[in-house]
N, C-alpha and C. Protein backbone atom coordinates (compact mmCIF):
# COMPACT_ATOMS: atom_id res chain seq x y z
N UNK A 1 -14.06 -21.72 -78.59
CA UNK A 1 -12.89 -22.65 -78.07
C UNK A 1 -11.83 -21.41 -77.30
N UNK A 2 -12.20 -20.28 -77.87
CA UNK A 2 -11.34 -19.15 -76.80
C UNK A 2 -11.97 -18.93 -75.74
N UNK A 3 -13.25 -19.70 -75.01
CA UNK A 3 -13.80 -19.06 -73.76
C UNK A 3 -12.97 -20.46 -73.67
N UNK A 4 -12.62 -22.05 -74.06
CA UNK A 4 -11.92 -22.88 -72.74
C UNK A 4 -10.52 -22.52 -72.66
N UNK A 5 -9.77 -22.29 -74.22
CA UNK A 5 -8.34 -21.50 -73.22
C UNK A 5 -8.31 -20.31 -72.23
N UNK A 6 -9.28 -19.64 -72.29
CA UNK A 6 -9.76 -18.93 -71.10
C UNK A 6 -9.08 -19.27 -69.78
N UNK A 7 -10.01 -20.53 -69.59
CA UNK A 7 -10.80 -20.66 -68.74
C UNK A 7 -9.38 -21.57 -68.19
N UNK A 8 -9.12 -22.67 -69.48
CA UNK A 8 -7.38 -23.54 -68.59
C UNK A 8 -6.51 -22.77 -68.97
N UNK A 9 -6.84 -21.36 -69.16
CA UNK A 9 -5.78 -20.61 -68.44
C UNK A 9 -5.49 -19.84 -67.33
N UNK A 10 -7.00 -19.70 -67.04
CA UNK A 10 -7.53 -19.12 -65.68
C UNK A 10 -6.89 -20.76 -64.90
N UNK A 11 -7.32 -21.10 -64.76
CA UNK A 11 -7.48 -22.67 -63.73
C UNK A 11 -5.57 -22.90 -63.61
N UNK A 12 -4.66 -22.92 -64.33
CA UNK A 12 -3.24 -23.16 -64.42
C UNK A 12 -2.71 -21.97 -63.53
N UNK A 13 -2.86 -21.17 -64.26
CA UNK A 13 -2.62 -19.44 -62.89
C UNK A 13 -3.19 -19.86 -61.89
N UNK A 14 -4.14 -20.21 -60.99
CA UNK A 14 -4.61 -20.40 -60.04
C UNK A 14 -4.01 -21.35 -59.20
N UNK A 15 -3.63 -22.72 -60.29
CA UNK A 15 -2.42 -23.44 -59.10
C UNK A 15 -1.09 -23.06 -59.06
N UNK A 16 -0.99 -22.51 -60.00
CA UNK A 16 0.40 -21.92 -59.46
C UNK A 16 0.59 -20.74 -58.85
N UNK A 17 -0.47 -20.05 -58.83
CA UNK A 17 -0.77 -19.05 -57.94
C UNK A 17 -1.03 -19.49 -56.28
N UNK A 18 -1.46 -20.69 -56.43
CA UNK A 18 -1.68 -21.57 -54.72
C UNK A 18 0.12 -22.59 -54.37
N UNK A 19 0.48 -22.26 -54.87
CA UNK A 19 1.99 -23.11 -54.05
C UNK A 19 1.65 -24.40 -54.69
N UNK A 20 3.18 -25.12 -53.93
CA UNK A 20 2.67 -26.47 -53.73
C UNK A 20 1.90 -27.36 -52.47
N UNK A 21 1.12 -27.58 -52.44
CA UNK A 21 0.56 -28.41 -51.64
C UNK A 21 1.23 -29.01 -50.60
N UNK A 22 2.31 -30.09 -50.99
CA UNK A 22 3.38 -30.61 -49.83
C UNK A 22 3.76 -29.79 -49.06
N UNK A 23 4.37 -29.74 -47.75
CA UNK A 23 5.74 -29.04 -47.11
C UNK A 23 4.78 -28.72 -45.85
N UNK A 24 3.38 -28.34 -46.30
CA UNK A 24 2.99 -27.52 -45.34
C UNK A 24 2.46 -28.14 -44.18
N UNK A 25 2.84 -26.86 -42.86
CA UNK A 25 2.48 -26.99 -41.45
C UNK A 25 1.18 -27.89 -41.27
N UNK A 26 1.15 -28.25 -40.45
CA UNK A 26 -0.55 -28.20 -40.30
C UNK A 26 -0.93 -27.03 -39.32
N UNK A 27 -2.45 -26.90 -39.43
CA UNK A 27 -3.07 -25.87 -38.39
C UNK A 27 -2.66 -26.24 -36.93
N UNK A 28 -2.02 -24.80 -36.40
CA UNK A 28 -1.51 -25.16 -34.26
C UNK A 28 -3.01 -24.43 -34.20
N UNK A 29 -4.17 -25.99 -33.68
CA UNK A 29 -5.39 -25.68 -33.36
C UNK A 29 -5.72 -25.13 -31.90
N UNK A 30 -4.34 -25.81 -30.93
CA UNK A 30 -4.55 -25.51 -30.20
C UNK A 30 -4.59 -24.10 -29.17
N UNK A 31 -2.90 -23.60 -30.01
CA UNK A 31 -2.47 -21.82 -30.11
C UNK A 31 -3.59 -20.78 -31.22
N UNK A 32 -4.63 -21.61 -31.46
CA UNK A 32 -5.97 -20.68 -32.41
C UNK A 32 -6.72 -20.79 -31.07
N UNK A 33 -6.72 -21.99 -29.86
CA UNK A 33 -8.00 -21.95 -29.21
C UNK A 33 -8.70 -22.67 -30.19
N UNK A 34 -9.11 -23.02 -30.59
CA UNK A 34 -10.17 -24.08 -31.27
C UNK A 34 -10.49 -25.45 -31.44
N UNK A 35 -11.24 -26.01 -31.68
CA UNK A 35 -11.28 -27.57 -31.34
C UNK A 35 -11.43 -28.29 -32.67
N UNK A 36 -10.52 -28.88 -33.54
CA UNK A 36 -10.89 -28.95 -35.13
C UNK A 36 -12.21 -30.04 -35.24
N UNK A 37 -12.89 -30.58 -35.91
CA UNK A 37 -14.14 -30.94 -36.22
C UNK A 37 -13.39 -32.63 -36.28
N UNK A 38 -14.17 -33.01 -35.69
CA UNK A 38 -14.12 -34.48 -35.39
C UNK A 38 -15.22 -35.42 -36.08
N UNK A 39 -15.77 -36.66 -37.23
CA UNK A 39 -17.03 -36.58 -37.41
C UNK A 39 -17.60 -37.32 -36.33
N UNK A 40 -18.97 -38.09 -36.34
CA UNK A 40 -19.32 -37.82 -34.85
C UNK A 40 -19.00 -40.29 -35.28
N UNK A 41 -19.09 -40.55 -34.37
CA UNK A 41 -19.06 -41.60 -34.01
C UNK A 41 -20.35 -42.91 -33.80
N UNK A 42 -20.14 -44.15 -34.60
CA UNK A 42 -21.35 -44.58 -34.12
C UNK A 42 -21.88 -44.68 -32.64
N UNK A 43 -22.93 -45.07 -32.42
CA UNK A 43 -23.62 -45.10 -31.11
C UNK A 43 -23.20 -46.76 -30.86
N UNK A 44 -22.96 -46.92 -29.74
CA UNK A 44 -22.32 -48.86 -29.64
C UNK A 44 -23.89 -49.11 -29.31
N UNK A 45 -24.16 -50.69 -29.80
CA UNK A 45 -25.07 -51.26 -29.53
C UNK A 45 -25.65 -51.77 -28.34
N UNK A 46 -26.71 -51.37 -28.28
CA UNK A 46 -27.77 -51.20 -26.85
C UNK A 46 -29.39 -52.23 -26.91
N UNK A 47 -29.37 -52.34 -25.95
CA UNK A 47 -31.17 -52.51 -25.71
C UNK A 47 -31.31 -52.65 -24.77
N UNK A 48 -33.10 -52.07 -24.44
CA UNK A 48 -33.46 -51.62 -23.51
C UNK A 48 -35.01 -51.99 -23.95
N UNK A 49 -35.85 -52.45 -22.45
CA UNK A 49 -36.91 -52.43 -22.80
C UNK A 49 -37.66 -51.49 -22.69
N UNK A 50 -38.96 -51.17 -23.43
CA UNK A 50 -39.86 -50.69 -23.91
C UNK A 50 -41.06 -50.59 -22.58
N UNK A 51 -42.42 -49.95 -23.15
CA UNK A 51 -42.92 -49.41 -21.74
C UNK A 51 -44.01 -51.04 -21.77
N UNK A 52 -43.93 -51.81 -23.07
CA UNK A 52 -44.59 -52.71 -23.20
C UNK A 52 -43.61 -54.16 -22.13
N UNK A 53 -42.34 -54.26 -21.80
CA UNK A 53 -41.31 -55.18 -21.40
C UNK A 53 -40.95 -55.64 -22.72
N UNK A 54 -41.40 -55.25 -23.93
CA UNK A 54 -40.50 -56.16 -24.81
C UNK A 54 -38.97 -55.12 -24.96
N UNK A 55 -38.11 -55.82 -25.10
CA UNK A 55 -36.81 -55.63 -25.49
C UNK A 55 -36.59 -55.42 -26.78
N UNK A 56 -35.58 -53.83 -27.08
CA UNK A 56 -35.79 -53.26 -28.13
C UNK A 56 -34.66 -52.62 -28.42
N UNK A 57 -33.95 -53.34 -29.37
CA UNK A 57 -32.12 -53.26 -29.84
C UNK A 57 -32.17 -51.77 -30.69
N UNK A 58 -31.14 -50.96 -30.51
CA UNK A 58 -30.98 -50.06 -31.11
C UNK A 58 -30.54 -50.34 -32.55
N UNK A 59 -30.11 -51.87 -33.23
CA UNK A 59 -30.10 -52.00 -34.42
C UNK A 59 -31.25 -52.45 -35.33
N UNK A 60 -32.32 -52.41 -34.40
CA UNK A 60 -33.55 -52.90 -34.70
C UNK A 60 -34.01 -51.52 -35.70
N UNK A 61 -33.65 -50.88 -34.46
CA UNK A 61 -34.21 -48.98 -35.46
C UNK A 61 -33.71 -48.26 -36.43
N UNK A 62 -32.85 -49.38 -36.70
CA UNK A 62 -31.70 -48.58 -37.68
C UNK A 62 -32.40 -47.86 -39.65
N UNK A 63 -31.48 -46.74 -39.32
CA UNK A 63 -32.58 -46.37 -40.65
C UNK A 63 -34.09 -44.82 -40.33
N UNK A 64 -33.86 -45.58 -38.72
CA UNK A 64 -34.95 -44.50 -38.22
C UNK A 64 -34.12 -43.24 -37.26
N UNK A 65 -35.23 -42.58 -37.19
CA UNK A 65 -34.60 -41.23 -35.87
C UNK A 65 -35.28 -41.77 -34.66
N UNK A 66 -34.05 -41.49 -34.42
CA UNK A 66 -33.88 -42.12 -32.56
C UNK A 66 -33.62 -41.01 -31.36
N UNK A 67 -34.08 -40.99 -30.52
CA UNK A 67 -34.24 -39.63 -29.59
C UNK A 67 -33.99 -40.08 -27.89
N UNK A 68 -33.35 -40.39 -27.66
CA UNK A 68 -33.01 -40.97 -26.05
C UNK A 68 -33.37 -39.66 -25.33
N UNK A 69 -33.21 -39.86 -24.29
CA UNK A 69 -33.86 -39.49 -23.21
C UNK A 69 -33.81 -39.75 -21.79
N UNK A 70 -32.05 -39.26 -21.46
CA UNK A 70 -31.42 -39.69 -19.60
C UNK A 70 -31.48 -38.64 -18.81
N UNK A 71 -32.19 -38.94 -18.11
CA UNK A 71 -32.55 -38.38 -16.62
C UNK A 71 -32.21 -38.99 -15.52
N UNK A 72 -31.96 -38.86 -14.21
CA UNK A 72 -31.87 -39.52 -13.26
C UNK A 72 -32.00 -38.26 -11.80
N UNK A 73 -32.56 -39.18 -10.83
CA UNK A 73 -33.32 -38.01 -9.81
C UNK A 73 -31.73 -38.54 -8.42
N UNK A 74 -31.14 -37.52 -8.22
CA UNK A 74 -30.47 -37.55 -6.94
C UNK A 74 -30.78 -37.28 -5.82
């Protein structure tokens, strides 16, 4: 019982010390010269021929690891 009361008191003190979460300004990422994390976007659907000439669509490979190599000669 005493442990629970101490834990509740500790949580309450932490919340009061942290202050209200509203009214805070957003971080100035440009001023800190950092880029915020943006979750990756899904790859667009496309289809390409495999070595045997059959068409393979990205949607057909859902749930599998897909590694793409793009190269060119100039």
